[in-house]
């Protein structure tokens, strides 16, 4: 069975206080993290969109959309990516999660047929920045933002959500490296 087309949305916003420089300027294996993620995952998708503020260097063929409200969190970035998407199905990943396994992404997208959100659960917590979202989430996200709610998980009770348990994640990513995010400059290279 062929999967429906989807858009890869890379969130490049955030203040990066612990990192000390914008995370989208990280270098992984000798190339920028945005290029790294696009090379790792881009072939699975119809298009790739980077959402952020002041993002200047992106791979060829990647679109950039500005955060509507810079510095207000990932929920705003998700909204920006969903509204820019040319497909009804998207996959959201934070730019500081460079080790996302393509096989895990494919599995999460394959679970989206009867869901608005497909979200992994690891170590007892949602992983909302390594998850599939449909554009049907746009209206509910806008209502939450208008009411000052910026917590991503606040969206889930309003939508059809498929939770993917940790056991399923481990089949595709035994070390759960996909959900590891880089928050400090120790062991990473700065692109700046």
C-alpha atoms as a PDB file:
ATOM      1  CA  UNK A   1       0.000   0.000   0.000  1.00  0.00           C
ATOM      2  CA  UNK A   2       1.371   3.430  -0.933  1.00  0.00           C
ATOM      3  CA  UNK A   3       1.451   6.047   1.796  1.00  0.00           C
ATOM      4  CA  UNK A   4      -0.126   9.420   1.136  1.00  0.00           C
ATOM      5  CA  UNK A   5       2.258  12.311   0.388  1.00  0.00           C
ATOM      6  CA  UNK A   6       3.516  14.178   3.437  1.00  0.00           C
ATOM      7  CA  UNK A   7       5.564  17.268   4.257  1.00  0.00           C
ATOM      8  CA  UNK A   8       8.646  17.318   6.467  1.00  0.00           C
ATOM      9  CA  UNK A   9       8.543  20.310   8.812  1.00  0.00           C
ATOM     10  CA  UNK A  10      11.768  21.147  10.636  1.00  0.00           C
ATOM     11  CA  UNK A  11      11.326  23.541  13.559  1.00  0.00           C
ATOM     12  CA  UNK A  12      14.320  25.870  13.734  1.00  0.00           C
ATOM     13  CA  UNK A  13      12.999  28.381  16.261  1.00  0.00           C
ATOM     14  CA  UNK A  14      13.660  28.662  19.942  1.00  0.00           C
ATOM     15  CA  UNK A  15      15.865  30.834  22.068  1.00  0.00           C
ATOM     16  CA  UNK A  16      18.645  28.238  22.570  1.00  0.00           C
ATOM     17  CA  UNK A  17      19.600  29.665  25.958  1.00  0.00           C
ATOM     18  CA  UNK A  18      21.452  26.520  27.065  1.00  0.00           C
ATOM     19  CA  UNK A  19      23.141  26.100  23.679  1.00  0.00           C
ATOM     20  CA  UNK A  20      24.377  29.682  23.544  1.00  0.00           C
ATOM     21  CA  UNK A  21      23.706  30.065  19.807  1.00  0.00           C
ATOM     22  CA  UNK A  22      20.748  29.249  17.513  1.00  0.00           C
ATOM     23  CA  UNK A  23      20.310  25.478  17.269  1.00  0.00           C
ATOM     24  CA  UNK A  24      19.705  25.664  13.531  1.00  0.00           C
ATOM     25  CA  UNK A  25      23.381  26.692  13.259  1.00  0.00           C
ATOM     26  CA  UNK A  26      24.562  23.346  14.687  1.00  0.00           C
ATOM     27  CA  UNK A  27      26.883  21.269  12.548  1.00  0.00           C
ATOM     28  CA  UNK A  28      26.460  17.492  12.490  1.00  0.00           C
ATOM     29  CA  UNK A  29      29.017  15.298  10.747  1.00  0.00           C
ATOM     30  CA  UNK A  30      30.511  18.285   8.958  1.00  0.00           C
ATOM     31  CA  UNK A  31      27.320  19.853   7.630  1.00  0.00           C
ATOM     32  CA  UNK A  32      24.598  22.128   8.955  1.00  0.00           C
ATOM     33  CA  UNK A  33      21.885  20.415  10.971  1.00  0.00           C
ATOM     34  CA  UNK A  34      19.156  21.546   8.547  1.00  0.00           C
ATOM     35  CA  UNK A  35      21.068  20.011   5.628  1.00  0.00           C
ATOM     36  CA  UNK A  36      21.713  16.905   7.728  1.00  0.00           C
ATOM     37  CA  UNK A  37      18.017  16.409   8.553  1.00  0.00           C
ATOM     38  CA  UNK A  38      16.927  17.139   4.977  1.00  0.00           C
ATOM     39  CA  UNK A  39      19.477  14.629   3.614  1.00  0.00           C
ATOM     40  CA  UNK A  40      18.448  12.034   6.213  1.00  0.00           C
ATOM     41  CA  UNK A  41      14.669  12.377   5.844  1.00  0.00           C
ATOM     42  CA  UNK A  42      13.818  14.558   2.845  1.00  0.00           C
ATOM     43  CA  UNK A  43      13.464  11.732   0.315  1.00  0.00           C
ATOM     44  CA  UNK A  44      10.500  10.378   2.315  1.00  0.00           C
ATOM     45  CA  UNK A  45       8.519  13.549   1.713  1.00  0.00           C
ATOM     46  CA  UNK A  46       6.779  15.596  -0.952  1.00  0.00           C
ATOM     47  CA  UNK A  47       8.454  18.759   0.362  1.00  0.00           C
ATOM     48  CA  UNK A  48      10.542  20.088   3.246  1.00  0.00           C
ATOM     49  CA  UNK A  49       9.742  23.286   5.146  1.00  0.00           C
ATOM     50  CA  UNK A  50      11.915  24.951   7.792  1.00  0.00           C
ATOM     51  CA  UNK A  51      10.030  27.091  10.308  1.00  0.00           C
ATOM     52  CA  UNK A  52      11.927  29.684  12.304  1.00  0.00           C
ATOM     53  CA  UNK A  53      13.104  33.250  12.679  1.00  0.00           C
ATOM     54  CA  UNK A  54      16.158  34.596  10.902  1.00  0.00           C
ATOM     55  CA  UNK A  55      16.950  31.285   9.215  1.00  0.00           C
ATOM     56  CA  UNK A  56      19.254  32.132   6.342  1.00  0.00           C
ATOM     57  CA  UNK A  57      21.034  28.994   5.187  1.00  0.00           C
ATOM     58  CA  UNK A  58      18.870  26.099   4.019  1.00  0.00           C
ATOM     59  CA  UNK A  59      19.442  23.318   1.482  1.00  0.00           C
ATOM     60  CA  UNK A  60      18.319  23.799  -2.119  1.00  0.00           C
ATOM     61  CA  UNK A  61      14.642  23.035  -2.620  1.00  0.00           C
ATOM     62  CA  UNK A  62      13.731  23.650   1.024  1.00  0.00           C
ATOM     63  CA  UNK A  63      11.179  26.350   1.790  1.00  0.00           C
ATOM     64  CA  UNK A  64      11.446  28.628   4.822  1.00  0.00           C
ATOM     65  CA  UNK A  65       8.459  30.084   6.633  1.00  0.00           C
ATOM     66  CA  UNK A  66       8.864  32.584   9.440  1.00  0.00           C
ATOM     67  CA  UNK A  67       7.470  31.947  12.899  1.00  0.00           C
ATOM     68  CA  UNK A  68       4.371  34.099  13.276  1.00  0.00           C
ATOM     69  CA  UNK A  69       5.397  34.988  16.829  1.00  0.00           C
ATOM     70  CA  UNK A  70       9.148  34.498  17.242  1.00  0.00           C
ATOM     71  CA  UNK A  71      10.281  33.146  20.582  1.00  0.00           C
ATOM     72  CA  UNK A  72       6.869  31.955  21.772  1.00  0.00           C
ATOM     73  CA  UNK A  73       7.514  28.235  21.513  1.00  0.00           C
ATOM     74  CA  UNK A  74       7.211  25.127  19.408  1.00  0.00           C
ATOM     75  CA  UNK A  75       3.404  25.229  19.235  1.00  0.00           C
ATOM     76  CA  UNK A  76       3.650  28.442  17.193  1.00  0.00           C
ATOM     77  CA  UNK A  77       6.205  26.741  14.919  1.00  0.00           C
ATOM     78  CA  UNK A  78       3.948  23.730  14.406  1.00  0.00           C
ATOM     79  CA  UNK A  79       1.135  26.084  13.401  1.00  0.00           C
ATOM     80  CA  UNK A  80       3.415  27.906  10.953  1.00  0.00           C
ATOM     81  CA  UNK A  81       4.527  24.664   9.346  1.00  0.00           C
ATOM     82  CA  UNK A  82       1.019  23.250   9.069  1.00  0.00           C
ATOM     83  CA  UNK A  83      -0.336  26.419   7.446  1.00  0.00           C
ATOM     84  CA  UNK A  84       2.546  26.427   4.924  1.00  0.00           C
ATOM     85  CA  UNK A  85       2.239  22.716   4.070  1.00  0.00           C
ATOM     86  CA  UNK A  86       1.049  21.673   0.616  1.00  0.00           C
ATOM     87  CA  UNK A  87      -0.018  18.261   1.935  1.00  0.00           C
ATOM     88  CA  UNK A  88      -2.614  17.246   4.496  1.00  0.00           C
ATOM     89  CA  UNK A  89      -0.148  15.064   6.391  1.00  0.00           C
ATOM     90  CA  UNK A  90       3.083  16.364   7.925  1.00  0.00           C
ATOM     91  CA  UNK A  91       5.916  15.168  10.098  1.00  0.00           C
ATOM     92  CA  UNK A  92       7.260  17.607  12.669  1.00  0.00           C
ATOM     93  CA  UNK A  93      10.840  17.355  13.920  1.00  0.00           C
ATOM     94  CA  UNK A  94      12.872  19.794  15.974  1.00  0.00           C
ATOM     95  CA  UNK A  95      16.188  20.812  14.421  1.00  0.00           C
ATOM     96  CA  UNK A  96      17.997  19.738  17.589  1.00  0.00           C
ATOM     97  CA  UNK A  97      16.938  16.106  17.039  1.00  0.00           C
ATOM     98  CA  UNK A  98      19.382  15.135  14.265  1.00  0.00           C
ATOM     99  CA  UNK A  99      19.315  11.364  14.787  1.00  0.00           C
ATOM    100  CA  UNK A 100      15.716  10.655  13.794  1.00  0.00           C
ATOM    101  CA  UNK A 101      15.546   7.214  12.177  1.00  0.00           C
ATOM    102  CA  UNK A 102      13.875   7.194   8.732  1.00  0.00           C
ATOM    103  CA  UNK A 103      12.280   3.784   9.462  1.00  0.00           C
ATOM    104  CA  UNK A 104      10.678   5.204  12.600  1.00  0.00           C
ATOM    105  CA  UNK A 105       9.362   8.195  10.652  1.00  0.00           C
ATOM    106  CA  UNK A 106       7.857   5.855   8.046  1.00  0.00           C
ATOM    107  CA  UNK A 107       6.195   3.818  10.806  1.00  0.00           C
ATOM    108  CA  UNK A 108       4.683   6.905  12.448  1.00  0.00           C
ATOM    109  CA  UNK A 109       3.366   8.187   9.115  1.00  0.00           C
ATOM    110  CA  UNK A 110       1.884   4.763   8.347  1.00  0.00           C
ATOM    111  CA  UNK A 111      -0.234   5.047  11.508  1.00  0.00           C
ATOM    112  CA  UNK A 112      -1.911   8.287  10.405  1.00  0.00           C
ATOM    113  CA  UNK A 113      -4.764   6.934   8.272  1.00  0.00           C
ATOM    114  CA  UNK A 114      -7.462   7.487  10.926  1.00  0.00           C
ATOM    115  CA  UNK A 115      -5.704  10.036  13.120  1.00  0.00           C
ATOM    116  CA  UNK A 116      -5.036  13.767  13.224  1.00  0.00           C
ATOM    117  CA  UNK A 117      -1.916  13.272  15.354  1.00  0.00           C
ATOM    118  CA  UNK A 118       0.426  10.305  15.668  1.00  0.00           C
ATOM    119  CA  UNK A 119       2.636  10.859  18.694  1.00  0.00           C
ATOM    120  CA  UNK A 120       5.276   8.567  20.178  1.00  0.00           C
ATOM    121  CA  UNK A 121       5.459   7.953  23.899  1.00  0.00           C
ATOM    122  CA  UNK A 122       8.907   7.297  25.335  1.00  0.00           C
ATOM    123  CA  UNK A 123       9.884   6.959  28.965  1.00  0.00           C
ATOM    124  CA  UNK A 124       6.282   7.811  29.868  1.00  0.00           C
ATOM    125  CA  UNK A 125       6.181  11.137  28.015  1.00  0.00           C
ATOM    126  CA  UNK A 126       4.783  12.394  24.710  1.00  0.00           C
ATOM    127  CA  UNK A 127       7.375  13.225  22.050  1.00  0.00           C
ATOM    128  CA  UNK A 128       5.431  15.989  20.238  1.00  0.00           C
ATOM    129  CA  UNK A 129       8.431  17.201  18.209  1.00  0.00           C
ATOM    130  CA  UNK A 130       8.962  13.843  16.536  1.00  0.00           C
ATOM    131  CA  UNK A 131       5.367  13.248  15.488  1.00  0.00           C
ATOM    132  CA  UNK A 132       2.917  13.324  12.581  1.00  0.00           C
ATOM    133  CA  UNK A 133       0.234  16.016  12.411  1.00  0.00           C
ATOM    134  CA  UNK A 134      -2.547  16.628   9.927  1.00  0.00           C
ATOM    135  CA  UNK A 135      -3.561  20.082   8.767  1.00  0.00           C
ATOM    136  CA  UNK A 136      -6.921  19.405  10.460  1.00  0.00           C
ATOM    137  CA  UNK A 137      -5.095  20.557  13.606  1.00  0.00           C
ATOM    138  CA  UNK A 138      -4.765  24.153  12.351  1.00  0.00           C
ATOM    139  CA  UNK A 139      -8.154  25.443  13.584  1.00  0.00           C
ATOM    140  CA  UNK A 140      -7.901  23.909  17.064  1.00  0.00           C
ATOM    141  CA  UNK A 141      -4.293  25.134  17.414  1.00  0.00           C
ATOM    142  CA  UNK A 142      -5.396  28.671  16.499  1.00  0.00           C
ATOM    143  CA  UNK A 143      -8.144  28.579  19.140  1.00  0.00           C
ATOM    144  CA  UNK A 144      -5.689  27.389  21.790  1.00  0.00           C
ATOM    145  CA  UNK A 145      -3.149  30.084  20.858  1.00  0.00           C
ATOM    146  CA  UNK A 146      -5.881  32.762  20.948  1.00  0.00           C
ATOM    147  CA  UNK A 147      -6.652  31.601  24.499  1.00  0.00           C
ATOM    148  CA  UNK A 148      -2.988  31.842  25.490  1.00  0.00           C
ATOM    149  CA  UNK A 149      -2.446  28.073  25.583  1.00  0.00           C
ATOM    150  CA  UNK A 150       0.961  27.176  24.123  1.00  0.00           C
ATOM    151  CA  UNK A 151       1.384  23.646  25.480  1.00  0.00           C
ATOM    152  CA  UNK A 152       1.383  21.175  22.587  1.00  0.00           C
ATOM    153  CA  UNK A 153      -0.270  18.388  24.582  1.00  0.00           C
ATOM    154  CA  UNK A 154      -3.319  20.654  25.108  1.00  0.00           C
ATOM    155  CA  UNK A 155      -4.171  19.921  21.474  1.00  0.00           C
ATOM    156  CA  UNK A 156      -4.393  16.164  21.920  1.00  0.00           C
ATOM    157  CA  UNK A 157      -7.773  15.904  23.733  1.00  0.00           C
ATOM    158  CA  UNK A 158      -9.318  17.914  20.872  1.00  0.00           C
ATOM    159  CA  UNK A 159      -8.094  15.628  18.060  1.00  0.00           C
ATOM    160  CA  UNK A 160      -8.048  11.979  16.994  1.00  0.00           C
ATOM    161  CA  UNK A 161      -4.705  10.912  18.448  1.00  0.00           C
ATOM    162  CA  UNK A 162      -2.863   7.668  17.913  1.00  0.00           C
ATOM    163  CA  UNK A 163      -0.277   7.101  20.622  1.00  0.00           C
ATOM    164  CA  UNK A 164       2.674   4.930  19.617  1.00  0.00           C
ATOM    165  CA  UNK A 165       4.084   3.114  22.660  1.00  0.00           C
ATOM    166  CA  UNK A 166       7.763   2.847  23.444  1.00  0.00           C
ATOM    167  CA  UNK A 167       7.819  -0.886  22.570  1.00  0.00           C
ATOM    168  CA  UNK A 168       6.877  -0.022  18.981  1.00  0.00           C
ATOM    169  CA  UNK A 169       9.521   2.723  18.802  1.00  0.00           C
ATOM    170  CA  UNK A 170      12.211   0.306  19.936  1.00  0.00           C
ATOM    171  CA  UNK A 171      11.567  -1.943  16.911  1.00  0.00           C
ATOM    172  CA  UNK A 172      12.701   0.867  14.603  1.00  0.00           C
ATOM    173  CA  UNK A 173      15.157   2.656  16.883  1.00  0.00           C
ATOM    174  CA  UNK A 174      16.569   0.334  19.594  1.00  0.00           C
ATOM    175  CA  UNK A 175      18.540   3.126  21.267  1.00  0.00           C
ATOM    176  CA  UNK A 176      15.719   5.701  21.020  1.00  0.00           C
ATOM    177  CA  UNK A 177      18.244   8.125  19.497  1.00  0.00           C
ATOM    178  CA  UNK A 178      15.441   9.644  17.424  1.00  0.00           C
ATOM    179  CA  UNK A 179      14.071  11.483  20.434  1.00  0.00           C
ATOM    180  CA  UNK A 180      17.396  12.729  21.826  1.00  0.00           C
ATOM    181  CA  UNK A 181      17.671  16.481  21.537  1.00  0.00           C
ATOM    182  CA  UNK A 182      20.850  18.526  21.752  1.00  0.00           C
ATOM    183  CA  UNK A 183      20.478  21.242  24.375  1.00  0.00           C
ATOM    184  CA  UNK A 184      24.054  22.125  25.237  1.00  0.00           C
ATOM    185  CA  UNK A 185      27.115  22.684  23.057  1.00  0.00           C
ATOM    186  CA  UNK A 186      29.025  19.772  24.643  1.00  0.00           C
ATOM    187  CA  UNK A 187      29.871  17.298  21.878  1.00  0.00           C
ATOM    188  CA  UNK A 188      28.342  19.310  19.035  1.00  0.00           C
ATOM    189  CA  UNK A 189      29.859  21.653  16.509  1.00  0.00           C
ATOM    190  CA  UNK A 190      28.702  25.226  16.063  1.00  0.00           C
ATOM    191  CA  UNK A 191      28.014  26.390  12.547  1.00  0.00           C
ATOM    192  CA  UNK A 192      28.511  29.970  13.659  1.00  0.00           C
END
